[in-house]
Amino acid sequence: MTLSAKDPRQALGRHPGSLTLGERAAWAGHTVALEIYTPATLPLRRIEAIGDSLGVCLRVLRERGLDPRRFEFSFLGPE
């Protein structure tokens, strides 16, 4: 199966800075969930959910068996 730049599964597990310009443009304005940094987590945080809204991110995290309380949410900008 070929995934498009708009397919959020391509962003999971990646640092926001590693997204291509096309991916950032496709997902600009979407909400991303990043694990809250603690000494026990890696400094290079990864996207664990991406969606059109906070509710979508929460649902994706729960579907993946992740605790939404361990994540912070922000909007992904084009740059």
N, C-alpha and C. Protein backbone atom coordinates (compact mmCIF):
# COMPACT_ATOMS: atom_id res chain seq x y z
N MET A 1 0.85 -1.17 0.00
CA MET A 1 0.00 0.00 0.00
C MET A 1 0.90 1.24 0.00
N THR A 2 0.60 2.20 -0.84
CA THR A 2 1.34 3.45 -0.90
C THR A 2 0.63 4.47 -0.03
N LEU A 3 1.38 5.14 0.84
CA LEU A 3 0.81 6.16 1.71
C LEU A 3 1.08 7.53 1.10
N SER A 4 0.11 8.41 1.21
CA SER A 4 0.28 9.76 0.69
C SER A 4 0.84 10.66 1.79
N ALA A 5 1.29 11.86 1.41
CA ALA A 5 1.81 12.81 2.38
C ALA A 5 0.73 13.22 3.37
N LYS A 6 -0.53 13.04 3.01
CA LYS A 6 -1.63 13.41 3.88
C LYS A 6 -1.98 12.28 4.86
N ASP A 7 -1.40 11.10 4.70
CA ASP A 7 -1.70 9.97 5.57
C ASP A 7 -0.94 10.14 6.89
N PRO A 8 -1.66 10.36 8.00
CA PRO A 8 -0.97 10.64 9.27
C PRO A 8 -0.12 9.48 9.78
N ARG A 9 -0.34 8.27 9.30
CA ARG A 9 0.48 7.15 9.75
C ARG A 9 1.95 7.37 9.40
N GLN A 10 2.22 8.17 8.38
CA GLN A 10 3.60 8.44 7.99
C GLN A 10 4.33 9.30 9.02
N ALA A 11 3.59 10.05 9.82
CA ALA A 11 4.21 10.94 10.80
C ALA A 11 4.47 10.25 12.13
N LEU A 12 3.77 9.17 12.41
CA LEU A 12 3.90 8.51 13.71
C LEU A 12 5.33 8.01 13.93
N GLY A 13 5.84 8.28 15.12
CA GLY A 13 7.17 7.83 15.48
C GLY A 13 8.29 8.73 14.99
N ARG A 14 7.94 9.83 14.35
CA ARG A 14 8.97 10.74 13.81
C ARG A 14 9.00 12.04 14.60
N HIS A 15 10.16 12.66 14.64
CA HIS A 15 10.31 13.98 15.25
C HIS A 15 9.70 15.00 14.28
N PRO A 16 8.96 16.00 14.78
CA PRO A 16 8.36 16.99 13.88
C PRO A 16 9.37 17.64 12.93
N GLY A 17 10.60 17.82 13.39
CA GLY A 17 11.62 18.43 12.54
C GLY A 17 12.06 17.57 11.38
N SER A 18 11.70 16.29 11.40
CA SER A 18 12.11 15.39 10.31
C SER A 18 11.08 15.33 9.19
N LEU A 19 9.94 16.01 9.36
CA LEU A 19 8.92 16.01 8.31
C LEU A 19 9.41 16.80 7.11
N THR A 20 9.06 16.34 5.92
CA THR A 20 9.42 17.06 4.70
C THR A 20 8.57 18.31 4.58
N LEU A 21 8.97 19.20 3.70
CA LEU A 21 8.16 20.41 3.47
C LEU A 21 6.76 20.05 2.99
N GLY A 22 6.67 19.04 2.13
CA GLY A 22 5.36 18.60 1.64
C GLY A 22 4.49 18.05 2.75
N GLU A 23 5.09 17.28 3.65
CA GLU A 23 4.32 16.73 4.78
C GLU A 23 3.87 17.85 5.70
N ARG A 24 4.76 18.79 5.99
CA ARG A 24 4.38 19.91 6.87
C ARG A 24 3.26 20.72 6.24
N ALA A 25 3.33 20.95 4.95
CA ALA A 25 2.27 21.69 4.27
C ALA A 25 0.96 20.92 4.31
N ALA A 26 1.02 19.61 4.11
CA ALA A 26 -0.19 18.79 4.12
C ALA A 26 -0.84 18.74 5.49
N TRP A 27 -0.03 18.76 6.56
CA TRP A 27 -0.56 18.63 7.92
C TRP A 27 -0.60 19.94 8.69
N ALA A 28 -0.27 21.06 8.03
CA ALA A 28 -0.30 22.35 8.71
C ALA A 28 -1.70 22.59 9.28
N GLY A 29 -1.73 23.03 10.53
CA GLY A 29 -2.99 23.29 11.22
C GLY A 29 -3.56 22.09 11.94
N HIS A 30 -2.96 20.93 11.76
CA HIS A 30 -3.42 19.74 12.47
C HIS A 30 -2.82 19.73 13.88
N THR A 31 -3.42 18.97 14.75
CA THR A 31 -2.93 18.82 16.12
C THR A 31 -2.04 17.58 16.18
N VAL A 32 -0.92 17.71 16.86
CA VAL A 32 -0.04 16.56 17.06
C VAL A 32 0.11 16.30 18.56
N ALA A 33 0.32 15.05 18.91
CA ALA A 33 0.57 14.66 20.29
C ALA A 33 2.03 14.24 20.40
N LEU A 34 2.74 14.87 21.32
CA LEU A 34 4.14 14.55 21.59
C LEU A 34 4.25 14.15 23.05
N GLU A 35 4.98 13.07 23.32
CA GLU A 35 5.15 12.63 24.70
C GLU A 35 5.81 13.75 25.50
N ILE A 36 5.30 13.99 26.71
CA ILE A 36 5.87 15.01 27.58
C ILE A 36 7.29 14.60 27.94
N TYR A 37 8.21 15.52 27.81
CA TYR A 37 9.61 15.21 28.09
C TYR A 37 9.82 15.02 29.60
N THR A 38 10.49 13.96 29.93
CA THR A 38 10.97 13.70 31.29
C THR A 38 12.36 13.09 31.13
N PRO A 39 13.13 13.03 32.17
CA PRO A 39 14.45 12.39 32.05
C PRO A 39 14.36 10.94 31.57
N ALA A 40 13.22 10.30 31.78
CA ALA A 40 13.06 8.91 31.35
C ALA A 40 12.73 8.79 29.87
N THR A 41 12.34 9.89 29.23
CA THR A 41 12.00 9.84 27.80
C THR A 41 13.17 10.37 26.99
N LEU A 42 13.18 10.03 25.75
CA LEU A 42 14.24 10.52 24.87
C LEU A 42 14.08 12.02 24.64
N PRO A 43 15.19 12.75 24.56
CA PRO A 43 15.09 14.18 24.28
C PRO A 43 14.45 14.46 22.91
N LEU A 44 14.63 13.54 21.96
CA LEU A 44 14.05 13.71 20.64
C LEU A 44 12.64 13.11 20.66
N ARG A 45 11.67 13.95 20.95
CA ARG A 45 10.30 13.47 21.08
C ARG A 45 9.72 13.16 19.72
N ARG A 46 8.84 12.18 19.71
CA ARG A 46 8.24 11.72 18.46
C ARG A 46 6.75 11.99 18.44
N ILE A 47 6.22 12.18 17.23
CA ILE A 47 4.78 12.33 17.04
C ILE A 47 4.15 10.96 17.30
N GLU A 48 3.18 10.92 18.18
CA GLU A 48 2.48 9.66 18.47
C GLU A 48 1.04 9.68 17.98
N ALA A 49 0.54 10.86 17.62
CA ALA A 49 -0.81 10.98 17.04
C ALA A 49 -0.87 12.29 16.28
N ILE A 50 -1.66 12.30 15.23
CA ILE A 50 -1.88 13.52 14.46
C ILE A 50 -3.31 13.48 13.95
N GLY A 51 -3.99 14.61 14.00
CA GLY A 51 -5.37 14.64 13.54
C GLY A 51 -5.90 16.04 13.37
N ASP A 52 -7.10 16.13 12.85
CA ASP A 52 -7.74 17.43 12.59
C ASP A 52 -8.10 18.17 13.87
N SER A 53 -8.14 17.45 15.00
CA SER A 53 -8.55 18.06 16.26
C SER A 53 -7.92 17.34 17.44
N LEU A 54 -8.06 17.94 18.60
CA LEU A 54 -7.59 17.31 19.82
C LEU A 54 -8.31 15.98 20.05
N GLY A 55 -9.61 15.97 19.78
CA GLY A 55 -10.39 14.74 19.96
C GLY A 55 -9.87 13.59 19.12
N VAL A 56 -9.48 13.87 17.89
CA VAL A 56 -8.93 12.82 17.01
C VAL A 56 -7.61 12.31 17.59
N CYS A 57 -6.76 13.23 18.06
CA CYS A 57 -5.48 12.81 18.65
C CYS A 57 -5.71 11.94 19.88
N LEU A 58 -6.65 12.33 20.72
CA LEU A 58 -6.96 11.53 21.91
C LEU A 58 -7.41 10.13 21.51
N ARG A 59 -8.29 10.05 20.51
CA ARG A 59 -8.79 8.74 20.06
C ARG A 59 -7.66 7.87 19.52
N VAL A 60 -6.77 8.47 18.72
CA VAL A 60 -5.66 7.71 18.14
C VAL A 60 -4.75 7.18 19.25
N LEU A 61 -4.45 8.03 20.23
CA LEU A 61 -3.60 7.59 21.33
C LEU A 61 -4.23 6.41 22.06
N ARG A 62 -5.52 6.52 22.37
CA ARG A 62 -6.20 5.43 23.08
C ARG A 62 -6.24 4.16 22.25
N GLU A 63 -6.49 4.30 20.94
CA GLU A 63 -6.51 3.12 20.06
C GLU A 63 -5.15 2.42 20.03
N ARG A 64 -4.08 3.20 20.21
CA ARG A 64 -2.73 2.64 20.21
C ARG A 64 -2.31 2.15 21.60
N GLY A 65 -3.23 2.25 22.58
CA GLY A 65 -2.94 1.80 23.93
C GLY A 65 -2.06 2.76 24.72
N LEU A 66 -2.03 4.03 24.32
CA LEU A 66 -1.21 5.03 25.00
C LEU A 66 -2.07 5.91 25.91
N ASP A 67 -1.51 6.35 27.02
CA ASP A 67 -2.21 7.18 28.00
C ASP A 67 -2.11 8.65 27.58
N PRO A 68 -3.22 9.28 27.18
CA PRO A 68 -3.18 10.68 26.73
C PRO A 68 -2.63 11.65 27.78
N ARG A 69 -2.65 11.28 29.04
CA ARG A 69 -2.13 12.17 30.09
C ARG A 69 -0.61 12.32 30.01
N ARG A 70 0.05 11.47 29.26
CA ARG A 70 1.51 11.52 29.12
C ARG A 70 1.95 12.33 27.91
N PHE A 71 1.00 13.05 27.28
CA PHE A 71 1.30 13.76 26.04
C PHE A 71 0.90 15.22 26.13
N GLU A 72 1.59 16.03 25.35
CA GLU A 72 1.19 17.42 25.17
C GLU A 72 0.74 17.56 23.72
N PHE A 73 -0.11 18.52 23.48
CA PHE A 73 -0.73 18.68 22.18
C PHE A 73 -0.45 20.08 21.65
N SER A 74 -0.12 20.15 20.38
CA SER A 74 0.13 21.45 19.77
C SER A 74 -0.26 21.41 18.31
N PHE A 75 -0.40 22.60 17.73
CA PHE A 75 -0.72 22.68 16.30
C PHE A 75 0.58 22.59 15.53
N LEU A 76 0.53 21.89 14.43
CA LEU A 76 1.68 21.78 13.55
C LEU A 76 1.63 22.92 12.54
N GLY A 77 2.68 23.69 12.51
CA GLY A 77 2.76 24.80 11.57
C GLY A 77 3.41 24.39 10.27
N PRO A 78 3.36 25.24 9.26
CA PRO A 78 3.92 24.90 7.95
C PRO A 78 5.45 24.89 7.93
N GLU A 79 6.11 25.42 8.93
CA GLU A 79 7.58 25.46 8.94
C GLU A 79 8.14 24.72 10.11
